Amino acid sequence: MHEFEAYDLFTLLGIKVPGYKYVPLTKLNELDSFMKPEKKYVLKVHIPGCLHKTDIGGVLLPFTLENKAEKLP
């Protein structure tokens, strides 16, 4: 089970989770409607089989609307 799937399950069971959104690479423009100005986020990659995202630079923080263009390719 992937992290975003666990969050979906926890939400279904009524367990509080941090705000999150799973966005495929092909739909990164959806981030704009989720993110709020001047709020800090953590952006994590989802790569099946990758155990440690930090080992491959797959975690970006702080990630904001203001630095989104700089952080994303």
C-alpha atoms as a PDB file:
ATOM      1  CA  MET A   1       0.000   0.000   0.000  1.00  0.00           C
ATOM      2  CA  HIS A   2       1.338   3.421  -0.918  1.00  0.00           C
ATOM      3  CA  GLU A   3       1.277   6.413   1.412  1.00  0.00           C
ATOM      4  CA  PHE A   4      -1.570   8.190  -0.378  1.00  0.00           C
ATOM      5  CA  GLU A   5      -3.599   4.953  -0.379  1.00  0.00           C
ATOM      6  CA  ALA A   6      -3.079   4.605   3.376  1.00  0.00           C
ATOM      7  CA  TYR A   7      -4.274   8.197   3.838  1.00  0.00           C
ATOM      8  CA  ASP A   8      -7.387   7.376   1.789  1.00  0.00           C
ATOM      9  CA  LEU A   9      -8.068   4.336   3.984  1.00  0.00           C
ATOM     10  CA  PHE A  10      -7.481   6.250   7.228  1.00  0.00           C
ATOM     11  CA  THR A  11      -9.851   8.980   6.037  1.00  0.00           C
ATOM     12  CA  LEU A  12     -12.495   6.367   5.227  1.00  0.00           C
ATOM     13  CA  LEU A  13     -12.100   4.972   8.756  1.00  0.00           C
ATOM     14  CA  GLY A  14     -12.449   8.426  10.299  1.00  0.00           C
ATOM     15  CA  ILE A  15      -8.790   8.742  11.300  1.00  0.00           C
ATOM     16  CA  LYS A  16      -7.421  12.265  10.892  1.00  0.00           C
ATOM     17  CA  VAL A  17      -4.616  12.678   8.378  1.00  0.00           C
ATOM     18  CA  PRO A  18      -2.696  15.735   7.195  1.00  0.00           C
ATOM     19  CA  GLY A  19      -4.005  17.504   4.120  1.00  0.00           C
ATOM     20  CA  TYR A  20      -2.791  15.637   1.063  1.00  0.00           C
ATOM     21  CA  LYS A  21      -3.396  15.251  -2.637  1.00  0.00           C
ATOM     22  CA  TYR A  22      -2.090  12.576  -4.988  1.00  0.00           C
ATOM     23  CA  VAL A  23      -1.285  14.135  -8.351  1.00  0.00           C
ATOM     24  CA  PRO A  24       0.125  12.160 -11.297  1.00  0.00           C
ATOM     25  CA  LEU A  25       2.971  13.867 -13.159  1.00  0.00           C
ATOM     26  CA  THR A  26       0.662  14.425 -16.121  1.00  0.00           C
ATOM     27  CA  LYS A  27      -1.667  16.545 -13.951  1.00  0.00           C
ATOM     28  CA  LEU A  28       0.709  18.753 -11.966  1.00  0.00           C
ATOM     29  CA  ASN A  29      -1.420  21.778 -12.895  1.00  0.00           C
ATOM     30  CA  GLU A  30      -3.982  20.453 -10.339  1.00  0.00           C
ATOM     31  CA  LEU A  31      -1.626  21.526  -7.558  1.00  0.00           C
ATOM     32  CA  ASP A  32      -2.630  25.165  -8.053  1.00  0.00           C
ATOM     33  CA  SER A  33      -6.212  24.502  -6.963  1.00  0.00           C
ATOM     34  CA  PHE A  34      -5.073  22.562  -3.874  1.00  0.00           C
ATOM     35  CA  MET A  35      -2.254  24.794  -2.619  1.00  0.00           C
ATOM     36  CA  LYS A  36      -2.769  28.034  -0.714  1.00  0.00           C
ATOM     37  CA  PRO A  37      -0.529  31.110  -1.105  1.00  0.00           C
ATOM     38  CA  GLU A  38       2.273  31.471   1.470  1.00  0.00           C
ATOM     39  CA  LYS A  39       1.590  27.998   2.941  1.00  0.00           C
ATOM     40  CA  LYS A  40       4.426  25.458   3.081  1.00  0.00           C
ATOM     41  CA  TYR A  41       3.984  21.922   1.740  1.00  0.00           C
ATOM     42  CA  VAL A  42       6.022  18.769   1.305  1.00  0.00           C
ATOM     43  CA  LEU A  43       6.146  17.323  -2.206  1.00  0.00           C
ATOM     44  CA  LYS A  44       6.975  13.608  -2.390  1.00  0.00           C
ATOM     45  CA  VAL A  45       7.524  11.464  -5.440  1.00  0.00           C
ATOM     46  CA  HIS A  46       5.687   8.183  -5.833  1.00  0.00           C
ATOM     47  CA  ILE A  47       7.970   5.595  -7.394  1.00  0.00           C
ATOM     48  CA  PRO A  48       6.917   1.972  -6.963  1.00  0.00           C
ATOM     49  CA  GLY A  49       9.769  -0.029  -5.472  1.00  0.00           C
ATOM     50  CA  CYS A  50      11.570   3.017  -4.091  1.00  0.00           C
ATOM     51  CA  LEU A  51      11.853   2.570  -0.333  1.00  0.00           C
ATOM     52  CA  HIS A  52      13.502   5.855   0.590  1.00  0.00           C
ATOM     53  CA  LYS A  53      12.437   8.909  -1.375  1.00  0.00           C
ATOM     54  CA  THR A  54      15.057  11.026   0.350  1.00  0.00           C
ATOM     55  CA  ASP A  55      17.854   8.830  -1.042  1.00  0.00           C
ATOM     56  CA  ILE A  56      16.955   9.884  -4.581  1.00  0.00           C
ATOM     57  CA  GLY A  57      16.008  13.514  -3.892  1.00  0.00           C
ATOM     58  CA  GLY A  58      12.325  12.652  -4.042  1.00  0.00           C
ATOM     59  CA  VAL A  59      11.201  14.944  -1.225  1.00  0.00           C
ATOM     60  CA  LEU A  60      10.984  18.700  -1.738  1.00  0.00           C
ATOM     61  CA  LEU A  61      10.434  21.064   1.155  1.00  0.00           C
ATOM     62  CA  PRO A  62       9.465  23.684   1.690  1.00  0.00           C
ATOM     63  CA  PHE A  63       7.316  23.559  -1.418  1.00  0.00           C
ATOM     64  CA  THR A  64       5.095  26.596  -1.983  1.00  0.00           C
ATOM     65  CA  LEU A  65       3.058  28.191  -4.744  1.00  0.00           C
ATOM     66  CA  GLU A  66       5.704  30.878  -4.840  1.00  0.00           C
ATOM     67  CA  ASN A  67       8.612  28.456  -5.490  1.00  0.00           C
ATOM     68  CA  LYS A  68       6.698  25.838  -7.495  1.00  0.00           C
ATOM     69  CA  ALA A  69       8.077  26.929 -10.881  1.00  0.00           C
ATOM     70  CA  GLU A  70      11.624  26.855  -9.500  1.00  0.00           C
ATOM     71  CA  LYS A  71      11.280  23.414  -7.874  1.00  0.00           C
ATOM     72  CA  LEU A  72       9.435  21.553 -10.659  1.00  0.00           C
ATOM     73  CA  PRO A  73      11.066  20.756 -14.006  1.00  0.00           C
END
